[in-house]
C-alpha atoms as a PDB file:
ATOM      1  CA  UNK A   1      45.470  26.876 -10.845  1.00  0.00           C
ATOM      2  CA  UNK A   2      48.076  24.916  -8.957  1.00  0.00           C
ATOM      3  CA  UNK A   3      51.588  22.954  -9.838  1.00  0.00           C
ATOM      4  CA  UNK A   4      49.312  19.807  -9.452  1.00  0.00           C
ATOM      5  CA  UNK A   5      46.598  20.796 -11.892  1.00  0.00           C
ATOM      6  CA  UNK A   6      49.569  22.067 -14.362  1.00  0.00           C
ATOM      7  CA  UNK A   7      50.817  18.298 -13.533  1.00  0.00           C
ATOM      8  CA  UNK A   8      47.604  16.651 -14.451  1.00  0.00           C
ATOM      9  CA  UNK A   9      47.155  18.339 -18.077  1.00  0.00           C
ATOM     10  CA  UNK A  10      50.557  17.622 -18.971  1.00  0.00           C
ATOM     11  CA  UNK A  11      50.455  14.067 -18.157  1.00  0.00           C
ATOM     12  CA  UNK A  12      47.000  13.676 -20.190  1.00  0.00           C
ATOM     13  CA  UNK A  13      49.054  15.147 -23.313  1.00  0.00           C
ATOM     14  CA  UNK A  14      52.122  13.486 -22.768  1.00  0.00           C
ATOM     15  CA  UNK A  15      54.349  12.524 -25.672  1.00  0.00           C
ATOM     16  CA  UNK A  16      56.275   9.895 -26.695  1.00  0.00           C
ATOM     17  CA  UNK A  17      59.723   9.156 -29.061  1.00  0.00           C
ATOM     18  CA  UNK A  18      60.734   5.989 -30.065  1.00  0.00           C
ATOM     19  CA  UNK A  19      64.295   5.558 -31.214  1.00  0.00           C
ATOM     20  CA  UNK A  20      66.310   2.911 -32.795  1.00  0.00           C
ATOM     21  CA  UNK A  21      63.180   1.253 -34.452  1.00  0.00           C
ATOM     22  CA  UNK A  22      64.214  -1.099 -37.123  1.00  0.00           C
ATOM     23  CA  UNK A  23      63.439  -0.520 -41.178  1.00  0.00           C
ATOM     24  CA  UNK A  24      61.178  -3.499 -41.321  1.00  0.00           C
ATOM     25  CA  UNK A  25      58.952  -2.249 -38.062  1.00  0.00           C
ATOM     26  CA  UNK A  26      58.383   1.265 -39.468  1.00  0.00           C
ATOM     27  CA  UNK A  27      57.747  -0.102 -43.090  1.00  0.00           C
ATOM     28  CA  UNK A  28      54.853  -2.667 -41.560  1.00  0.00           C
ATOM     29  CA  UNK A  29      53.410   0.601 -39.397  1.00  0.00           C
ATOM     30  CA  UNK A  30      53.613   2.804 -42.349  1.00  0.00           C
ATOM     31  CA  UNK A  31      51.679  -0.525 -43.929  1.00  0.00           C
ATOM     32  CA  UNK A  32      49.223  -1.416 -41.593  1.00  0.00           C
ATOM     33  CA  UNK A  33      48.303   2.518 -41.069  1.00  0.00           C
ATOM     34  CA  UNK A  34      47.568   2.538 -45.172  1.00  0.00           C
ATOM     35  CA  UNK A  35      45.559  -0.427 -44.549  1.00  0.00           C
ATOM     36  CA  UNK A  36      43.321   1.157 -41.821  1.00  0.00           C
ATOM     37  CA  UNK A  37      43.609   4.540 -43.331  1.00  0.00           C
ATOM     38  CA  UNK A  38      45.481   6.248 -40.681  1.00  0.00           C
ATOM     39  CA  UNK A  39      48.601   8.443 -40.177  1.00  0.00           C
ATOM     40  CA  UNK A  40      51.311   6.114 -38.448  1.00  0.00           C
ATOM     41  CA  UNK A  41      51.158   7.856 -35.119  1.00  0.00           C
ATOM     42  CA  UNK A  42      47.473   7.134 -34.558  1.00  0.00           C
ATOM     43  CA  UNK A  43      48.327   3.402 -35.931  1.00  0.00           C
ATOM     44  CA  UNK A  44      50.851   3.314 -33.549  1.00  0.00           C
ATOM     45  CA  UNK A  45      49.183   4.821 -30.327  1.00  0.00           C
ATOM     46  CA  UNK A  46      46.422   2.124 -31.394  1.00  0.00           C
ATOM     47  CA  UNK A  47      48.711  -0.224 -31.177  1.00  0.00           C
ATOM     48  CA  UNK A  48      50.131   0.852 -27.952  1.00  0.00           C
ATOM     49  CA  UNK A  49      46.473   1.187 -26.161  1.00  0.00           C
ATOM     50  CA  UNK A  50      45.186  -2.144 -27.800  1.00  0.00           C
ATOM     51  CA  UNK A  51      48.639  -3.795 -26.269  1.00  0.00           C
ATOM     52  CA  UNK A  52      48.717  -2.555 -22.675  1.00  0.00           C
ATOM     53  CA  UNK A  53      44.624  -2.784 -22.541  1.00  0.00           C
ATOM     54  CA  UNK A  54      45.196  -6.057 -23.858  1.00  0.00           C
ATOM     55  CA  UNK A  55      44.945  -9.173 -20.629  1.00  0.00           C
ATOM     56  CA  UNK A  56      48.618 -10.197 -20.251  1.00  0.00           C
ATOM     57  CA  UNK A  57      47.904 -13.927 -22.105  1.00  0.00           C
ATOM     58  CA  UNK A  58      50.555 -16.728 -22.120  1.00  0.00           C
ATOM     59  CA  UNK A  59      53.633 -16.273 -24.102  1.00  0.00           C
ATOM     60  CA  UNK A  60      53.541 -16.970 -28.160  1.00  0.00           C
ATOM     61  CA  UNK A  61      56.144 -18.749 -29.868  1.00  0.00           C
ATOM     62  CA  UNK A  62      59.081 -17.054 -31.236  1.00  0.00           C
ATOM     63  CA  UNK A  63      60.724 -17.753 -34.484  1.00  0.00           C
ATOM     64  CA  UNK A  64      63.593 -17.260 -35.667  1.00  0.00           C
ATOM     65  CA  UNK A  65      62.259 -15.793 -39.166  1.00  0.00           C
ATOM     66  CA  UNK A  66      61.896 -11.932 -38.614  1.00  0.00           C
ATOM     67  CA  UNK A  67      58.659 -12.114 -40.861  1.00  0.00           C
ATOM     68  CA  UNK A  68      57.108 -14.866 -39.337  1.00  0.00           C
ATOM     69  CA  UNK A  69      57.748 -13.490 -35.581  1.00  0.00           C
ATOM     70  CA  UNK A  70      55.969  -9.935 -37.084  1.00  0.00           C
ATOM     71  CA  UNK A  71      52.618 -11.802 -38.052  1.00  0.00           C
ATOM     72  CA  UNK A  72      52.667 -13.984 -34.157  1.00  0.00           C
ATOM     73  CA  UNK A  73      52.826 -10.579 -32.738  1.00  0.00           C
ATOM     74  CA  UNK A  74      49.973  -9.102 -35.048  1.00  0.00           C
ATOM     75  CA  UNK A  75      48.183 -12.159 -34.749  1.00  0.00           C
ATOM     76  CA  UNK A  76      48.681 -11.595 -30.825  1.00  0.00           C
ATOM     77  CA  UNK A  77      47.127  -8.045 -31.028  1.00  0.00           C
ATOM     78  CA  UNK A  78      44.733  -8.951 -33.781  1.00  0.00           C
ATOM     79  CA  UNK A  79      43.157  -7.388 -37.178  1.00  0.00           C
ATOM     80  CA  UNK A  80      45.974  -8.706 -38.862  1.00  0.00           C
ATOM     81  CA  UNK A  81      45.626 -10.893 -41.709  1.00  0.00           C
ATOM     82  CA  UNK A  82      48.857 -11.364 -43.256  1.00  0.00           C
ATOM     83  CA  UNK A  83      49.948 -14.286 -45.943  1.00  0.00           C
ATOM     84  CA  UNK A  84      53.680 -15.854 -45.805  1.00  0.00           C
ATOM     85  CA  UNK A  85      54.818 -15.308 -49.598  1.00  0.00           C
ATOM     86  CA  UNK A  86      56.398 -18.398 -51.180  1.00  0.00           C
ATOM     87  CA  UNK A  87      60.028 -17.379 -52.519  1.00  0.00           C
ATOM     88  CA  UNK A  88      61.364 -18.382 -56.008  1.00  0.00           C
ATOM     89  CA  UNK A  89      64.691 -20.768 -55.907  1.00  0.00           C
ATOM     90  CA  UNK A  90      67.697 -18.320 -55.795  1.00  0.00           C
ATOM     91  CA  UNK A  91      69.008 -18.351 -59.221  1.00  0.00           C
ATOM     92  CA  UNK A  92      72.863 -19.919 -59.963  1.00  0.00           C
ATOM     93  CA  UNK A  93      75.656 -17.471 -59.876  1.00  0.00           C
ATOM     94  CA  UNK A  94      76.702 -15.814 -63.282  1.00  0.00           C
ATOM     95  CA  UNK A  95      79.255 -17.387 -64.741  1.00  0.00           C
ATOM     96  CA  UNK A  96      82.080 -14.552 -65.405  1.00  0.00           C
ATOM     97  CA  UNK A  97      84.917 -17.073 -66.554  1.00  0.00           C
ATOM     98  CA  UNK A  98      84.516 -17.074 -70.393  1.00  0.00           C
ATOM     99  CA  UNK A  99      86.647 -15.242 -72.800  1.00  0.00           C
ATOM    100  CA  UNK A 100      84.361 -12.238 -73.364  1.00  0.00           C
ATOM    101  CA  UNK A 101      85.206 -11.373 -69.739  1.00  0.00           C
ATOM    102  CA  UNK A 102      89.031 -11.140 -70.162  1.00  0.00           C
ATOM    103  CA  UNK A 103      90.375  -7.744 -69.442  1.00  0.00           C
ATOM    104  CA  UNK A 104      90.893  -5.728 -72.577  1.00  0.00           C
ATOM    105  CA  UNK A 105      94.366  -5.380 -73.603  1.00  0.00           C
ATOM    106  CA  UNK A 106      95.150  -1.772 -74.118  1.00  0.00           C
ATOM    107  CA  UNK A 107      98.653  -0.572 -76.864  1.00  0.00           C
END
Protein backbone atom coordinates (compact mmCIF):
# COMPACT_ATOMS: atom_id res chain seq x y z
CA UNK A 1 0.00 0.00 0.00
CA UNK A 2 1.47 3.34 -1.04
CA UNK A 3 0.70 6.91 0.04
CA UNK A 4 -1.94 7.40 -2.68
CA UNK A 5 -3.88 4.36 -1.45
CA UNK A 6 -3.79 5.70 2.10
CA UNK A 7 -4.90 9.12 0.88
CA UNK A 8 -7.85 7.54 -0.96
CA UNK A 9 -8.89 5.68 2.19
CA UNK A 10 -8.70 8.83 4.31
CA UNK A 11 -10.68 10.79 1.73
CA UNK A 12 -13.52 8.29 1.85
CA UNK A 13 -13.85 8.45 5.64
CA UNK A 14 -13.38 12.19 6.08
CA UNK A 15 -15.08 13.94 8.97
CA UNK A 16 -16.24 17.52 9.15
CA UNK A 17 -16.64 19.76 12.18
CA UNK A 18 -19.05 22.67 11.92
CA UNK A 19 -18.42 25.41 14.45
CA UNK A 20 -20.63 28.31 15.53
CA UNK A 21 -23.91 26.70 14.47
CA UNK A 22 -26.73 28.83 15.87
CA UNK A 23 -29.02 27.46 18.56
CA UNK A 24 -31.99 27.85 16.20
CA UNK A 25 -30.29 25.82 13.48
CA UNK A 26 -29.24 23.14 15.96
CA UNK A 27 -32.79 22.92 17.29
CA UNK A 28 -34.25 22.70 13.77
CA UNK A 29 -31.75 19.97 12.88
CA UNK A 30 -32.58 18.04 16.07
CA UNK A 31 -36.33 18.24 15.30
CA UNK A 32 -35.90 17.25 11.66
CA UNK A 33 -33.67 14.32 12.67
CA UNK A 34 -36.23 13.12 15.20
CA UNK A 35 -39.04 13.39 12.65
CA UNK A 36 -37.00 11.23 10.27
CA UNK A 37 -35.92 8.76 12.99
CA UNK A 38 -32.24 9.62 12.58
CA UNK A 39 -29.37 10.86 14.69
CA UNK A 40 -28.47 14.52 14.15
CA UNK A 41 -25.24 13.46 12.43
CA UNK A 42 -27.15 11.28 9.97
CA UNK A 43 -29.65 14.06 9.29
CA UNK A 44 -26.88 16.63 8.73
CA UNK A 45 -25.11 14.24 6.36
CA UNK A 46 -28.34 13.67 4.45
CA UNK A 47 -29.03 17.40 4.16
CA UNK A 48 -25.50 18.17 3.01
CA UNK A 49 -25.54 15.38 0.42
CA UNK A 50 -28.99 16.44 -0.84
CA UNK A 51 -27.84 20.06 -1.06
CA UNK A 52 -24.70 19.19 -2.97
CA UNK A 53 -26.39 16.76 -5.36
CA UNK A 54 -29.30 19.10 -6.09
CA UNK A 55 -28.82 21.06 -9.30
CA UNK A 56 -28.50 24.77 -8.67
CA UNK A 57 -31.67 26.65 -9.46
CA UNK A 58 -32.61 30.27 -9.13
CA UNK A 59 -32.09 31.68 -5.65
CA UNK A 60 -35.06 31.68 -3.32
CA UNK A 61 -36.03 35.09 -1.94
CA UNK A 62 -34.73 35.69 1.56
CA UNK A 63 -36.87 36.94 4.38
CA UNK A 64 -36.02 39.13 7.37
CA UNK A 65 -37.96 36.65 9.51
CA UNK A 66 -35.60 33.80 10.49
CA UNK A 67 -38.47 31.30 10.70
CA UNK A 68 -39.67 32.22 7.23
CA UNK A 69 -36.08 31.97 5.94
CA UNK A 70 -35.78 28.51 7.49
CA UNK A 71 -39.03 27.45 5.85
CA UNK A 72 -37.79 28.73 2.49
CA UNK A 73 -34.44 26.93 2.91
CA UNK A 74 -36.01 23.66 4.04
CA UNK A 75 -38.59 23.88 1.29
CA UNK A 76 -35.79 24.24 -1.25
CA UNK A 77 -34.26 21.01 0.08
CA UNK A 78 -37.64 19.29 0.12
CA UNK A 79 -39.35 16.88 2.48
CA UNK A 80 -40.21 19.62 4.95
CA UNK A 81 -43.75 20.65 5.77
CA UNK A 82 -43.74 23.25 8.50
CA UNK A 83 -46.45 25.78 9.11
CA UNK A 84 -46.14 29.21 10.61
CA UNK A 85 -47.63 29.47 14.08
CA UNK A 86 -49.88 32.42 14.81
CA UNK A 87 -48.74 34.51 17.76
CA UNK A 88 -51.07 36.09 20.26
CA UNK A 89 -50.97 39.84 20.69
CA UNK A 90 -48.49 41.00 23.29
CA UNK A 91 -50.00 41.68 26.69
CA UNK A 92 -49.65 45.18 28.10
CA UNK A 93 -46.89 45.53 30.70
CA UNK A 94 -47.83 45.12 34.36
CA UNK A 95 -48.46 48.28 36.35
CA UNK A 96 -46.29 48.32 39.47
CA UNK A 97 -47.13 51.89 40.45
CA UNK A 98 -49.74 51.02 43.13
CA UNK A 99 -49.29 51.43 46.88
CA UNK A 100 -48.92 47.68 47.37
CA UNK A 101 -45.65 47.89 45.46
CA UNK A 102 -44.13 50.66 47.58
CA UNK A 103 -41.03 49.64 49.59
CA UNK A 104 -41.78 48.62 53.15
CA UNK A 105 -40.54 50.86 55.90
CA UNK A 106 -38.39 49.17 58.51
CA UNK A 107 -38.03 50.74 61.92
